[in-house]
PDB file of all heavy atoms in Angstrom:
ATOM      1  N   LYS A   1     -13.789  -5.114   5.466  1.00  0.00           N
ATOM      2  CA  LYS A   1     -13.071  -3.828   5.214  1.00  0.00           C
ATOM      3  C   LYS A   1     -13.220  -2.830   6.336  1.00  0.00           C
ATOM      4  O   LYS A   1     -12.525  -1.775   6.186  1.00  0.00           O
ATOM      5  CB  LYS A   1     -13.731  -3.264   3.911  1.00  0.00           C
ATOM      6  CG  LYS A   1     -13.329  -4.082   2.681  1.00  0.00           C
ATOM      7  CD  LYS A   1     -13.961  -3.450   1.391  1.00  0.00           C
ATOM      8  CE  LYS A   1     -13.537  -4.194   0.122  1.00  0.00           C
ATOM      9  NZ  LYS A   1     -14.000  -5.651   0.130  1.00  0.00           N
ATOM     10  N   ASP A   2     -14.008  -3.054   7.281  1.00  0.00           N
ATOM     11  CA  ASP A   2     -14.122  -2.098   8.395  1.00  0.00           C
ATOM     12  C   ASP A   2     -13.246  -2.490   9.579  1.00  0.00           C
ATOM     13  O   ASP A   2     -13.295  -1.834  10.645  1.00  0.00           O
ATOM     14  CB  ASP A   2     -15.605  -2.058   8.850  1.00  0.00           C
ATOM     15  CG  ASP A   2     -16.152  -3.313   9.336  1.00  0.00           C
ATOM     16  OD1 ASP A   2     -15.568  -4.382   8.985  1.00  0.00           O
ATOM     17  OD2 ASP A   2     -17.173  -3.357  10.081  1.00  0.00           O
ATOM     18  N   GLN A   3     -12.367  -3.462   9.409  1.00  0.00           N
ATOM     19  CA  GLN A   3     -11.491  -3.882  10.467  1.00  0.00           C
ATOM     20  C   GLN A   3     -10.001  -3.772   9.972  1.00  0.00           C
ATOM     21  O   GLN A   3      -9.730  -3.605   8.796  1.00  0.00           O
ATOM     22  CB  GLN A   3     -11.798  -5.319  10.789  1.00  0.00           C
ATOM     23  CG  GLN A   3     -13.194  -5.568  11.336  1.00  0.00           C
ATOM     24  CD  GLN A   3     -13.511  -7.018  11.644  1.00  0.00           C
ATOM     25  OE1 GLN A   3     -12.607  -7.819  11.895  1.00  0.00           O
ATOM     26  NE2 GLN A   3     -14.782  -7.412  11.644  1.00  0.00           N
ATOM     27  N   ASN A   4      -9.123  -3.895  10.979  1.00  0.00           N
ATOM     28  CA  ASN A   4      -7.637  -3.964  10.720  1.00  0.00           C
ATOM     29  C   ASN A   4      -7.119  -2.712   9.975  1.00  0.00           C
ATOM     30  O   ASN A   4      -6.297  -2.803   9.033  1.00  0.00           O
ATOM     31  CB  ASN A   4      -7.316  -5.147   9.939  1.00  0.00           C
ATOM     32  CG  ASN A   4      -7.831  -6.487  10.564  1.00  0.00           C
ATOM     33  OD1 ASN A   4      -7.541  -6.760  11.689  1.00  0.00           O
ATOM     34  ND2 ASN A   4      -8.653  -7.158   9.848  1.00  0.00           N
ATOM     35  N   ILE A   5      -7.712  -1.519  10.228  1.00  0.00           N
ATOM     36  CA  ILE A   5      -7.447  -0.248   9.584  1.00  0.00           C
ATOM     37  C   ILE A   5      -6.285   0.404  10.346  1.00  0.00           C
ATOM     38  O   ILE A   5      -6.404   0.696  11.531  1.00  0.00           O
ATOM     39  CB  ILE A   5      -8.590   0.596   9.467  1.00  0.00           C
ATOM     40  CG1 ILE A   5      -9.692  -0.038   8.552  1.00  0.00           C
ATOM     41  CG2 ILE A   5      -8.215   2.043   8.871  1.00  0.00           C
ATOM     42  CD1 ILE A   5     -10.999   0.756   8.555  1.00  0.00           C
ATOM     43  N   LEU A   6      -5.143   0.782   9.561  1.00  0.00           N
ATOM     44  CA  LEU A   6      -4.058   1.488  10.154  1.00  0.00           C
ATOM     45  C   LEU A   6      -4.228   2.921   9.986  1.00  0.00           C
ATOM     46  O   LEU A   6      -3.678   3.706  10.796  1.00  0.00           O
ATOM     47  CB  LEU A   6      -2.779   1.062   9.506  1.00  0.00           C
ATOM     48  CG  LEU A   6      -2.353  -0.439   9.790  1.00  0.00           C
ATOM     49  CD1 LEU A   6      -1.097  -0.786   8.963  1.00  0.00           C
ATOM     50  CD2 LEU A   6      -2.045  -0.632  11.263  1.00  0.00           C
ATOM     51  N   GLY A   7      -4.938   3.404   8.949  1.00  0.00           N
ATOM     52  CA  GLY A   7      -5.110   4.829   8.724  1.00  0.00           C
ATOM     53  C   GLY A   7      -5.587   5.040   7.289  1.00  0.00           C
ATOM     54  O   GLY A   7      -6.077   4.112   6.569  1.00  0.00           O
ATOM     55  N   GLN A   8      -5.426   6.294   6.776  1.00  0.00           N
ATOM     56  CA  GLN A   8      -5.884   6.614   5.429  1.00  0.00           C
ATOM     57  C   GLN A   8      -4.780   7.449   4.725  1.00  0.00           C
ATOM     58  O   GLN A   8      -4.105   8.206   5.336  1.00  0.00           O
ATOM     59  CB  GLN A   8      -7.254   7.360   5.494  1.00  0.00           C
ATOM     60  CG  GLN A   8      -8.398   6.490   5.849  1.00  0.00           C
ATOM     61  CD  GLN A   8      -9.728   7.159   5.656  1.00  0.00           C
ATOM     62  OE1 GLN A   8      -9.844   8.421   6.014  1.00  0.00           O
ATOM     63  NE2 GLN A   8     -10.677   6.464   5.193  1.00  0.00           N
ATOM     64  N   ILE A   9      -4.755   7.253   3.427  1.00  0.00           N
ATOM     65  CA  ILE A   9      -3.748   8.016   2.612  1.00  0.00           C
ATOM     66  C   ILE A   9      -4.620   8.830   1.609  1.00  0.00           C
ATOM     67  O   ILE A   9      -5.548   8.282   1.006  1.00  0.00           O
ATOM     68  CB  ILE A   9      -2.929   6.975   1.801  1.00  0.00           C
ATOM     69  CG1 ILE A   9      -2.187   6.046   2.770  1.00  0.00           C
ATOM     70  CG2 ILE A   9      -1.941   7.740   0.981  1.00  0.00           C
ATOM     71  CD1 ILE A   9      -1.542   4.825   2.035  1.00  0.00           C
ATOM     72  N   ASN A  10      -4.248  10.096   1.532  1.00  0.00           N
ATOM     73  CA  ASN A  10      -5.001  10.972   0.650  1.00  0.00           C
ATOM     74  C   ASN A  10      -4.135  11.484  -0.464  1.00  0.00           C
ATOM     75  O   ASN A  10      -3.140  12.199  -0.209  1.00  0.00           O
ATOM     76  CB  ASN A  10      -5.536  12.166   1.432  1.00  0.00           C
ATOM     77  CG  ASN A  10      -6.682  12.902   0.660  1.00  0.00           C
ATOM     78  OD1 ASN A  10      -6.688  12.834  -0.577  1.00  0.00           O
ATOM     79  ND2 ASN A  10      -7.533  13.595   1.391  1.00  0.00           N
ATOM     80  N   ILE A  11      -4.325  11.007  -1.701  1.00  0.00           N
ATOM     81  CA  ILE A  11      -3.570  11.399  -2.848  1.00  0.00           C
ATOM     82  C   ILE A  11      -4.515  11.831  -3.995  1.00  0.00           C
ATOM     83  O   ILE A  11      -5.394  11.064  -4.417  1.00  0.00           O
ATOM     84  CB  ILE A  11      -2.679  10.263  -3.388  1.00  0.00           C
ATOM     85  CG1 ILE A  11      -1.794   9.686  -2.223  1.00  0.00           C
ATOM     86  CG2 ILE A  11      -1.790  10.706  -4.541  1.00  0.00           C
ATOM     87  CD1 ILE A  11      -1.071   8.478  -2.709  1.00  0.00           C
ATOM     88  N   PRO A  12      -4.382  13.021  -4.447  1.00  0.00           N
ATOM     89  CA  PRO A  12      -5.293  13.584  -5.459  1.00  0.00           C
ATOM     90  C   PRO A  12      -5.018  12.915  -6.859  1.00  0.00           C
ATOM     91  O   PRO A  12      -3.837  12.474  -7.046  1.00  0.00           O
ATOM     92  CB  PRO A  12      -5.057  15.066  -5.564  1.00  0.00           C
ATOM     93  CG  PRO A  12      -3.618  15.194  -5.045  1.00  0.00           C
ATOM     94  CD  PRO A  12      -3.487  14.121  -3.995  1.00  0.00           C
ATOM     95  N   ASN A  13      -5.997  12.781  -7.695  1.00  0.00           N
ATOM     96  CA  ASN A  13      -5.892  12.322  -9.025  1.00  0.00           C
ATOM     97  C   ASN A  13      -5.313  10.942  -9.176  1.00  0.00           C
ATOM     98  O   ASN A  13      -4.367  10.678 -10.005  1.00  0.00           O
ATOM     99  CB  ASN A  13      -5.100  13.390  -9.922  1.00  0.00           C
ATOM    100  CG  ASN A  13      -5.636  14.740  -9.851  1.00  0.00           C
ATOM    101  OD1 ASN A  13      -6.924  14.890  -9.931  1.00  0.00           O
ATOM    102  ND2 ASN A  13      -4.873  15.719  -9.693  1.00  0.00           N
ATOM    103  N   ILE A  14      -5.800  10.055  -8.439  1.00  0.00           N
ATOM    104  CA  ILE A  14      -5.265   8.622  -8.494  1.00  0.00           C
ATOM    105  C   ILE A  14      -6.390   7.713  -8.979  1.00  0.00           C
ATOM    106  O   ILE A  14      -7.561   8.052  -8.877  1.00  0.00           O
ATOM    107  CB  ILE A  14      -4.740   8.118  -7.096  1.00  0.00           C
ATOM    108  CG1 ILE A  14      -5.874   8.209  -6.057  1.00  0.00           C
ATOM    109  CG2 ILE A  14      -3.529   8.911  -6.697  1.00  0.00           C
ATOM    110  CD1 ILE A  14      -5.588   7.555  -4.784  1.00  0.00           C
ATOM    111  N   PRO A  15      -6.021   6.542  -9.537  1.00  0.00           N
ATOM    112  CA  PRO A  15      -7.028   5.587  -9.939  1.00  0.00           C
ATOM    113  C   PRO A  15      -7.797   5.026  -8.745  1.00  0.00           C
ATOM    114  O   PRO A  15      -7.257   5.027  -7.600  1.00  0.00           O
ATOM    115  CB  PRO A  15      -6.253   4.460 -10.657  1.00  0.00           C
ATOM    116  CG  PRO A  15      -4.866   4.593 -10.108  1.00  0.00           C
ATOM    117  CD  PRO A  15      -4.610   6.086  -9.815  1.00  0.00           C
ATOM    118  N   LYS A  16      -8.976   4.542  -8.967  1.00  0.00           N
ATOM    119  CA  LYS A  16      -9.735   4.001  -7.882  1.00  0.00           C
ATOM    120  C   LYS A  16      -9.073   2.770  -7.249  1.00  0.00           C
ATOM    121  O   LYS A  16      -8.790   1.862  -8.010  1.00  0.00           O
ATOM    122  CB  LYS A  16     -11.191   3.632  -8.394  1.00  0.00           C
ATOM    123  CG  LYS A  16     -12.132   3.107  -7.262  1.00  0.00           C
ATOM    124  CD  LYS A  16     -13.421   2.916  -7.710  1.00  0.00           C
ATOM    125  CE  LYS A  16     -14.369   2.215  -6.668  1.00  0.00           C
ATOM    126  NZ  LYS A  16     -14.378   2.868  -5.396  1.00  0.00           N
ATOM    127  N   CYS A  17      -8.972   2.746  -5.959  1.00  0.00           N
ATOM    128  CA  CYS A  17      -8.299   1.573  -5.281  1.00  0.00           C
ATOM    129  C   CYS A  17      -9.254   1.061  -4.182  1.00  0.00           C
ATOM    130  O   CYS A  17      -9.945   1.838  -3.590  1.00  0.00           O
ATOM    131  CB  CYS A  17      -6.939   1.996  -4.677  1.00  0.00           C
ATOM    132  SG  CYS A  17      -5.755   2.567  -6.031  1.00  0.00           S
ATOM    133  N   ASP A  18      -9.087  -0.107  -3.836  1.00  0.00           N
ATOM    134  CA  ASP A  18      -9.879  -0.753  -2.757  1.00  0.00           C
ATOM    135  C   ASP A  18      -9.120  -0.711  -1.391  1.00  0.00           C
ATOM    136  O   ASP A  18      -9.757  -0.974  -0.366  1.00  0.00           O
ATOM    137  CB  ASP A  18     -10.265  -2.211  -3.061  1.00  0.00           C
ATOM    138  CG  ASP A  18     -11.169  -2.305  -4.233  1.00  0.00           C
ATOM    139  OD1 ASP A  18     -12.079  -1.451  -4.308  1.00  0.00           O
ATOM    140  OD2 ASP A  18     -11.060  -3.241  -5.087  1.00  0.00           O
ATOM    141  N   GLY A  19      -7.892  -0.401  -1.441  1.00  0.00           N
ATOM    142  CA  GLY A  19      -7.096  -0.409  -0.208  1.00  0.00           C
ATOM    143  C   GLY A  19      -5.633  -0.354  -0.408  1.00  0.00           C
ATOM    144  O   GLY A  19      -5.152  -0.356  -1.614  1.00  0.00           O
ATOM    145  N   ALA A  20      -4.856  -0.464   0.627  1.00  0.00           N
ATOM    146  CA  ALA A  20      -3.365  -0.437   0.497  1.00  0.00           C
ATOM    147  C   ALA A  20      -2.815  -1.228   1.705  1.00  0.00           C
ATOM    148  O   ALA A  20      -3.411  -1.286   2.765  1.00  0.00           O
ATOM    149  CB  ALA A  20      -2.843   0.976   0.534  1.00  0.00           C
ATOM    150  N   VAL A  21      -1.619  -1.846   1.520  1.00  0.00           N
ATOM    151  CA  VAL A  21      -0.961  -2.629   2.485  1.00  0.00           C
ATOM    152  C   VAL A  21       0.579  -2.391   2.376  1.00  0.00           C
ATOM    153  O   VAL A  21       1.007  -1.929   1.293  1.00  0.00           O
ATOM    154  CB  VAL A  21      -1.194  -4.150   2.395  1.00  0.00           C
ATOM    155  CG1 VAL A  21      -2.658  -4.411   2.659  1.00  0.00           C
ATOM    156  CG2 VAL A  21      -0.814  -4.656   0.982  1.00  0.00           C
ATOM    157  N   TYR A  22       1.309  -2.716   3.421  1.00  0.00           N
ATOM    158  CA  TYR A  22       2.708  -2.660   3.388  1.00  0.00           C
ATOM    159  C   TYR A  22       3.285  -3.873   2.685  1.00  0.00           C
ATOM    160  O   TYR A  22       2.787  -5.002   2.789  1.00  0.00           O
ATOM    161  CB  TYR A  22       3.337  -2.578   4.828  1.00  0.00           C
ATOM    162  CG  TYR A  22       3.127  -1.241   5.496  1.00  0.00           C
ATOM    163  CD1 TYR A  22       2.159  -0.951   6.443  1.00  0.00           C
ATOM    164  CD2 TYR A  22       4.057  -0.175   5.140  1.00  0.00           C
ATOM    165  CE1 TYR A  22       2.097   0.281   6.988  1.00  0.00           C
ATOM    166  CE2 TYR A  22       3.925   1.080   5.712  1.00  0.00           C
ATOM    167  CZ  TYR A  22       2.975   1.333   6.633  1.00  0.00           C
ATOM    168  OH  TYR A  22       2.821   2.556   7.307  1.00  0.00           O
ATOM    169  N   VAL A  23       4.447  -3.703   1.998  1.00  0.00           N
ATOM    170  CA  VAL A  23       5.086  -4.812   1.298  1.00  0.00           C
ATOM    171  C   VAL A  23       6.176  -5.364   2.304  1.00  0.00           C
ATOM    172  O   VAL A  23       6.843  -4.637   2.928  1.00  0.00           O
ATOM    173  CB  VAL A  23       5.755  -4.281   0.044  1.00  0.00           C
ATOM    174  CG1 VAL A  23       6.614  -5.430  -0.525  1.00  0.00           C
ATOM    175  CG2 VAL A  23       4.699  -3.847  -1.009  1.00  0.00           C
ATOM    176  N   LYS A  24       6.255  -6.703   2.187  1.00  0.00           N
ATOM    177  CA  LYS A  24       7.361  -7.378   2.869  1.00  0.00           C
ATOM    178  C   LYS A  24       8.156  -8.235   1.992  1.00  0.00           C
ATOM    179  O   LYS A  24       7.561  -8.815   1.052  1.00  0.00           O
ATOM    180  CB  LYS A  24       6.813  -8.182   4.070  1.00  0.00           C
ATOM    181  CG  LYS A  24       6.323  -7.379   5.253  1.00  0.00           C
ATOM    182  CD  LYS A  24       6.297  -8.205   6.540  1.00  0.00           C
ATOM    183  CE  LYS A  24       5.984  -7.273   7.736  1.00  0.00           C
ATOM    184  NZ  LYS A  24       5.919  -8.067   9.011  1.00  0.00           N
ATOM    185  N   GLY A  25       9.406  -8.414   2.149  1.00  0.00           N
ATOM    186  CA  GLY A  25      10.223  -9.254   1.289  1.00  0.00           C
ATOM    187  C   GLY A  25      10.883  -8.443   0.183  1.00  0.00           C
ATOM    188  O   GLY A  25      10.686  -7.217   0.007  1.00  0.00           O
ATOM    189  N   ASP A  26      11.767  -9.159  -0.563  1.00  0.00           N
ATOM    190  CA  ASP A  26      12.512  -8.499  -1.632  1.00  0.00           C
ATOM    191  C   ASP A  26      12.280  -9.090  -3.002  1.00  0.00           C
ATOM    192  O   ASP A  26      13.092  -8.960  -3.931  1.00  0.00           O
ATOM    193  CB  ASP A  26      14.011  -8.574  -1.316  1.00  0.00           C
ATOM    194  CG  ASP A  26      14.556 -10.035  -1.255  1.00  0.00           C
ATOM    195  OD1 ASP A  26      13.736 -10.956  -1.295  1.00  0.00           O
ATOM    196  OD2 ASP A  26      15.777 -10.157  -1.227  1.00  0.00           O
ATOM    197  N   SER A  27      11.141  -9.754  -3.220  1.00  0.00           N
ATOM    198  CA  SER A  27      11.005 -10.469  -4.493  1.00  0.00           C
ATOM    199  C   SER A  27      10.786  -9.500  -5.679  1.00  0.00           C
ATOM    200  O   SER A  27      11.159  -9.870  -6.824  1.00  0.00           O
ATOM    201  CB  SER A  27       9.737 -11.370  -4.461  1.00  0.00           C
ATOM    202  OG  SER A  27       8.543 -10.628  -4.286  1.00  0.00           O
ATOM    203  N   MET A  28      10.332  -8.249  -5.415  1.00  0.00           N
ATOM    204  CA  MET A  28      10.158  -7.247  -6.468  1.00  0.00           C
ATOM    205  C   MET A  28      11.266  -6.181  -6.413  1.00  0.00           C
ATOM    206  O   MET A  28      11.099  -5.121  -7.030  1.00  0.00           O
ATOM    207  CB  MET A  28       8.760  -6.654  -6.415  1.00  0.00           C
ATOM    208  CG  MET A  28       7.638  -7.648  -6.615  1.00  0.00           C
ATOM    209  SD  MET A  28       7.749  -8.541  -8.213  1.00  0.00           S
ATOM    210  CE  MET A  28       7.409  -7.218  -9.374  1.00  0.00           C
ATOM    211  N   TYR A  29      12.340  -6.359  -5.589  1.00  0.00           N
ATOM    212  CA  TYR A  29      13.399  -5.377  -5.510  1.00  0.00           C
ATOM    213  C   TYR A  29      14.171  -5.187  -6.840  1.00  0.00           C
ATOM    214  O   TYR A  29      14.378  -6.269  -7.443  1.00  0.00           O
ATOM    215  CB  TYR A  29      14.274  -5.817  -4.325  1.00  0.00           C
ATOM    216  CG  TYR A  29      15.357  -4.747  -4.078  1.00  0.00           C
ATOM    217  CD1 TYR A  29      15.103  -3.703  -3.255  1.00  0.00           C
ATOM    218  CD2 TYR A  29      16.656  -4.912  -4.672  1.00  0.00           C
ATOM    219  CE1 TYR A  29      16.092  -2.696  -2.957  1.00  0.00           C
ATOM    220  CE2 TYR A  29      17.646  -3.935  -4.379  1.00  0.00           C
ATOM    221  CZ  TYR A  29      17.370  -2.837  -3.595  1.00  0.00           C
ATOM    222  OH  TYR A  29      18.319  -1.919  -3.295  1.00  0.00           O
ATOM    223  N   PRO A  30      14.521  -4.025  -7.307  1.00  0.00           N
ATOM    224  CA  PRO A  30      14.357  -2.734  -6.620  1.00  0.00           C
ATOM    225  C   PRO A  30      13.113  -1.996  -6.981  1.00  0.00           C
ATOM    226  O   PRO A  30      12.928  -0.847  -6.598  1.00  0.00           O
ATOM    227  CB  PRO A  30      15.635  -2.035  -7.151  1.00  0.00           C
ATOM    228  CG  PRO A  30      15.803  -2.519  -8.537  1.00  0.00           C
ATOM    229  CD  PRO A  30      15.353  -3.968  -8.499  1.00  0.00           C
ATOM    230  N   LEU A  31      12.179  -2.507  -7.760  1.00  0.00           N
ATOM    231  CA  LEU A  31      10.882  -1.859  -7.986  1.00  0.00           C
ATOM    232  C   LEU A  31      10.195  -1.549  -6.682  1.00  0.00           C
ATOM    233  O   LEU A  31       9.659  -0.539  -6.496  1.00  0.00           O
ATOM    234  CB  LEU A  31      10.063  -2.628  -8.950  1.00  0.00           C
ATOM    235  CG  LEU A  31      10.481  -2.782 -10.446  1.00  0.00           C
ATOM    236  CD1 LEU A  31       9.417  -3.585 -11.186  1.00  0.00           C
ATOM    237  CD2 LEU A  31      10.554  -1.361 -10.970  1.00  0.00           C
ATOM    238  N   LEU A  32      10.126  -2.592  -5.870  1.00  0.00           N
ATOM    239  CA  LEU A  32       9.537  -2.480  -4.527  1.00  0.00           C
ATOM    240  C   LEU A  32      10.512  -2.999  -3.525  1.00  0.00           C
ATOM    241  O   LEU A  32      11.224  -3.998  -3.756  1.00  0.00           O
ATOM    242  CB  LEU A  32       8.180  -3.236  -4.463  1.00  0.00           C
ATOM    243  CG  LEU A  32       7.056  -2.862  -5.367  1.00  0.00           C
ATOM    244  CD1 LEU A  32       5.890  -3.860  -5.231  1.00  0.00           C
ATOM    245  CD2 LEU A  32       6.602  -1.455  -5.056  1.00  0.00           C
ATOM    246  N   LYS A  33      10.472  -2.357  -2.360  1.00  0.00           N
ATOM    247  CA  LYS A  33      11.335  -2.908  -1.270  1.00  0.00           C
ATOM    248  C   LYS A  33      10.510  -2.969  -0.039  1.00  0.00           C
ATOM    249  O   LYS A  33       9.366  -2.487   0.082  1.00  0.00           O
ATOM    250  CB  LYS A  33      12.586  -1.992  -1.054  1.00  0.00           C
ATOM    251  CG  LYS A  33      12.200  -0.640  -0.475  1.00  0.00           C
ATOM    252  CD  LYS A  33      13.398   0.187  -0.188  1.00  0.00           C
ATOM    253  CE  LYS A  33      13.141   1.549   0.374  1.00  0.00           C
ATOM    254  NZ  LYS A  33      14.297   2.393   0.692  1.00  0.00           N
ATOM    255  N   SER A  34      10.935  -3.776   0.921  1.00  0.00           N
ATOM    256  CA  SER A  34      10.219  -4.077   2.159  1.00  0.00           C
ATOM    257  C   SER A  34       9.965  -2.763   2.826  1.00  0.00           C
ATOM    258  O   SER A  34      10.866  -1.880   3.056  1.00  0.00           O
ATOM    259  CB  SER A  34      11.059  -5.052   3.033  1.00  0.00           C
ATOM    260  OG  SER A  34      10.265  -5.404   4.126  1.00  0.00           O
ATOM    261  N   GLY A  35       8.715  -2.511   3.296  1.00  0.00           N
ATOM    262  CA  GLY A  35       8.347  -1.269   3.831  1.00  0.00           C
ATOM    263  C   GLY A  35       7.516  -0.311   2.918  1.00  0.00           C
ATOM    264  O   GLY A  35       6.937   0.635   3.358  1.00  0.00           O
ATOM    265  N   ASP A  36       7.647  -0.595   1.626  1.00  0.00           N
ATOM    266  CA  ASP A  36       6.822   0.261   0.632  1.00  0.00           C
ATOM    267  C   ASP A  36       5.361  -0.084   0.808  1.00  0.00           C
ATOM    268  O   ASP A  36       4.981  -1.098   1.443  1.00  0.00           O
ATOM    269  CB  ASP A  36       7.245  -0.096  -0.753  1.00  0.00           C
ATOM    270  CG  ASP A  36       8.565   0.438  -1.127  1.00  0.00           C
ATOM    271  OD1 ASP A  36       9.189   1.165  -0.336  1.00  0.00           O
ATOM    272  OD2 ASP A  36       9.092   0.132  -2.266  1.00  0.00           O
TER     273      ASP A  36
END
């Protein structure tokens, strides 16, 4: 978890998360699109 870090996102009042990544592909489109 201390490697491959691109940055940090700060959002108030959110559920506890372990991390975030970019989405690739269109399998969940239009709920999610590539780049989300």
